Amino acid sequence: MERLTVPDEKIDGGLRRAIIDAREVRKEAMTIYWALKKYEDTELTPEQIMELKELDTAKKPVQTEDGMVCPICGSKAVPWSRFCDECGQRWWEEA
């Protein structure tokens, strides 16, 4: 990660404290926050996400004995969509 603060400067008797660019720190923190929120909203475990990435199922539904399954959450996909209602709505809003 790019350094967002000025390094402390050594002076006689100690250190001169660095000045922090609070705007840049906040911008970086909010980028991380929104990425984490998007991940948490899926309610998937890290293992489930890695499995989906490996299978590349985000592009196509999964066929099971019970019918088509949403590739994001694993619940039953609706007949006219690749996803379940909730994931389909989320996908539509983000597109």
C-alpha atoms as a PDB file:
ATOM      1  CA  MET A   1       0.000   0.000   0.000  1.00  0.00           C
ATOM      2  CA  GLU A   2       1.182   3.493  -0.765  1.00  0.00           C
ATOM      3  CA  ARG A   3       2.414   5.351   2.306  1.00  0.00           C
ATOM      4  CA  LEU A   4      -0.126   7.983   3.371  1.00  0.00           C
ATOM      5  CA  THR A   5       1.894   9.572   6.156  1.00  0.00           C
ATOM      6  CA  VAL A   6       5.177  11.392   6.364  1.00  0.00           C
ATOM      7  CA  PRO A   7       7.828   9.341   8.193  1.00  0.00           C
ATOM      8  CA  ASP A   8       8.857  10.556  11.646  1.00  0.00           C
ATOM      9  CA  GLU A   9      12.043  12.604  11.564  1.00  0.00           C
ATOM     10  CA  LYS A  10      14.847  11.905  14.023  1.00  0.00           C
ATOM     11  CA  ILE A  11      15.905  15.001  15.927  1.00  0.00           C
ATOM     12  CA  ASP A  12      18.088  15.561  18.993  1.00  0.00           C
ATOM     13  CA  GLY A  13      16.253  14.154  21.991  1.00  0.00           C
ATOM     14  CA  GLY A  14      13.642  12.107  20.117  1.00  0.00           C
ATOM     15  CA  LEU A  15      11.437  12.166  17.042  1.00  0.00           C
ATOM     16  CA  ARG A  16       9.490  14.877  15.283  1.00  0.00           C
ATOM     17  CA  ARG A  17       6.051  13.409  14.746  1.00  0.00           C
ATOM     18  CA  ALA A  18       4.775  12.976  11.218  1.00  0.00           C
ATOM     19  CA  ILE A  19       1.883  14.920   9.765  1.00  0.00           C
ATOM     20  CA  ILE A  20      -1.024  12.777   8.607  1.00  0.00           C
ATOM     21  CA  ASP A  21      -3.015  13.606   5.492  1.00  0.00           C
ATOM     22  CA  ALA A  22      -6.389  12.734   7.015  1.00  0.00           C
ATOM     23  CA  ARG A  23      -8.262  13.101   3.710  1.00  0.00           C
ATOM     24  CA  GLU A  24      -6.138  10.443   2.020  1.00  0.00           C
ATOM     25  CA  VAL A  25      -6.369   8.127   5.026  1.00  0.00           C
ATOM     26  CA  ARG A  26     -10.167   8.506   5.106  1.00  0.00           C
ATOM     27  CA  LYS A  27     -10.440   7.891   1.349  1.00  0.00           C
ATOM     28  CA  GLU A  28      -8.406   4.679   1.637  1.00  0.00           C
ATOM     29  CA  ALA A  29     -10.390   3.574   4.707  1.00  0.00           C
ATOM     30  CA  MET A  30     -13.709   4.113   2.918  1.00  0.00           C
ATOM     31  CA  THR A  31     -12.504   2.114  -0.091  1.00  0.00           C
ATOM     32  CA  ILE A  32     -11.698  -0.775   2.238  1.00  0.00           C
ATOM     33  CA  TYR A  33     -14.990  -0.330   4.123  1.00  0.00           C
ATOM     34  CA  TRP A  34     -17.157  -0.548   0.974  1.00  0.00           C
ATOM     35  CA  ALA A  35     -15.256  -3.586  -0.307  1.00  0.00           C
ATOM     36  CA  LEU A  36     -15.756  -5.313   3.064  1.00  0.00           C
ATOM     37  CA  LYS A  37     -19.446  -4.367   3.168  1.00  0.00           C
ATOM     38  CA  LYS A  38     -20.018  -5.779  -0.317  1.00  0.00           C
ATOM     39  CA  TYR A  39     -18.373  -9.028   0.784  1.00  0.00           C
ATOM     40  CA  GLU A  40     -20.324  -9.235   4.065  1.00  0.00           C
ATOM     41  CA  ASP A  41     -23.630  -8.589   2.270  1.00  0.00           C
ATOM     42  CA  THR A  42     -23.202 -11.859   0.362  1.00  0.00           C
ATOM     43  CA  GLU A  43     -23.225 -13.779   3.675  1.00  0.00           C
ATOM     44  CA  LEU A  44     -20.804 -16.284   2.141  1.00  0.00           C
ATOM     45  CA  THR A  45     -17.786 -17.716   3.914  1.00  0.00           C
ATOM     46  CA  PRO A  46     -14.326 -17.110   2.429  1.00  0.00           C
ATOM     47  CA  GLU A  47     -14.234 -20.793   1.465  1.00  0.00           C
ATOM     48  CA  GLN A  48     -17.519 -20.506  -0.449  1.00  0.00           C
ATOM     49  CA  ILE A  49     -16.269 -17.444  -2.304  1.00  0.00           C
ATOM     50  CA  MET A  50     -13.038 -19.204  -3.270  1.00  0.00           C
ATOM     51  CA  GLU A  51     -15.041 -22.208  -4.484  1.00  0.00           C
ATOM     52  CA  LEU A  52     -17.207 -19.949  -6.643  1.00  0.00           C
ATOM     53  CA  LYS A  53     -14.138 -18.262  -8.090  1.00  0.00           C
ATOM     54  CA  GLU A  54     -12.522 -21.600  -8.886  1.00  0.00           C
ATOM     55  CA  LEU A  55     -15.654 -22.915 -10.569  1.00  0.00           C
ATOM     56  CA  ASP A  56     -16.320 -19.585 -12.283  1.00  0.00           C
ATOM     57  CA  THR A  57     -19.996 -20.098 -11.587  1.00  0.00           C
ATOM     58  CA  ALA A  58     -20.769 -16.399 -11.357  1.00  0.00           C
ATOM     59  CA  LYS A  59     -21.449 -16.505 -15.117  1.00  0.00           C
ATOM     60  CA  LYS A  60     -23.789 -19.495 -15.210  1.00  0.00           C
ATOM     61  CA  PRO A  61     -26.235 -21.261 -12.900  1.00  0.00           C
ATOM     62  CA  VAL A  62     -25.423 -24.621 -11.368  1.00  0.00           C
ATOM     63  CA  GLN A  63     -27.536 -27.610 -12.363  1.00  0.00           C
ATOM     64  CA  THR A  64     -28.474 -29.990  -9.535  1.00  0.00           C
ATOM     65  CA  GLU A  65     -30.997 -32.796  -9.145  1.00  0.00           C
ATOM     66  CA  ASP A  66     -33.468 -30.248  -7.737  1.00  0.00           C
ATOM     67  CA  GLY A  67     -33.101 -27.841 -10.660  1.00  0.00           C
ATOM     68  CA  MET A  68     -31.041 -24.715 -11.186  1.00  0.00           C
ATOM     69  CA  VAL A  69     -29.219 -23.221  -8.213  1.00  0.00           C
ATOM     70  CA  CYS A  70     -28.112 -19.602  -7.786  1.00  0.00           C
ATOM     71  CA  PRO A  71     -24.330 -19.493  -8.287  1.00  0.00           C
ATOM     72  CA  ILE A  72     -23.948 -16.776  -5.635  1.00  0.00           C
ATOM     73  CA  CYS A  73     -25.862 -18.055  -2.626  1.00  0.00           C
ATOM     74  CA  GLY A  74     -26.776 -21.633  -3.549  1.00  0.00           C
ATOM     75  CA  SER A  75     -30.537 -21.225  -3.146  1.00  0.00           C
ATOM     76  CA  LYS A  76     -33.017 -22.196  -5.876  1.00  0.00           C
ATOM     77  CA  ALA A  77     -32.712 -20.012  -8.978  1.00  0.00           C
ATOM     78  CA  VAL A  78     -35.881 -18.597 -10.491  1.00  0.00           C
ATOM     79  CA  PRO A  79     -36.786 -20.065 -13.925  1.00  0.00           C
ATOM     80  CA  TRP A  80     -36.416 -16.760 -15.834  1.00  0.00           C
ATOM     81  CA  SER A  81     -33.080 -15.788 -14.263  1.00  0.00           C
ATOM     82  CA  ARG A  82     -29.640 -17.178 -13.571  1.00  0.00           C
ATOM     83  CA  PHE A  83     -29.978 -16.203  -9.911  1.00  0.00           C
ATOM     84  CA  CYS A  84     -32.409 -16.376  -6.994  1.00  0.00           C
ATOM     85  CA  ASP A  85     -34.655 -13.323  -6.545  1.00  0.00           C
ATOM     86  CA  GLU A  86     -32.436 -11.639  -3.941  1.00  0.00           C
ATOM     87  CA  CYS A  87     -29.105 -12.120  -5.747  1.00  0.00           C
ATOM     88  CA  GLY A  88     -30.706 -11.241  -9.094  1.00  0.00           C
ATOM     89  CA  GLN A  89     -31.992  -7.981  -7.655  1.00  0.00           C
ATOM     90  CA  ARG A  90     -28.580  -7.181  -6.159  1.00  0.00           C
ATOM     91  CA  TRP A  91     -26.868  -7.986  -9.474  1.00  0.00           C
ATOM     92  CA  TRP A  92     -29.331  -5.786 -11.378  1.00  0.00           C
ATOM     93  CA  GLU A  93     -28.784  -2.830  -9.014  1.00  0.00           C
ATOM     94  CA  GLU A  94     -24.985  -3.092  -9.311  1.00  0.00           C
ATOM     95  CA  ALA A  95     -24.963  -3.430 -13.110  1.00  0.00           C
END
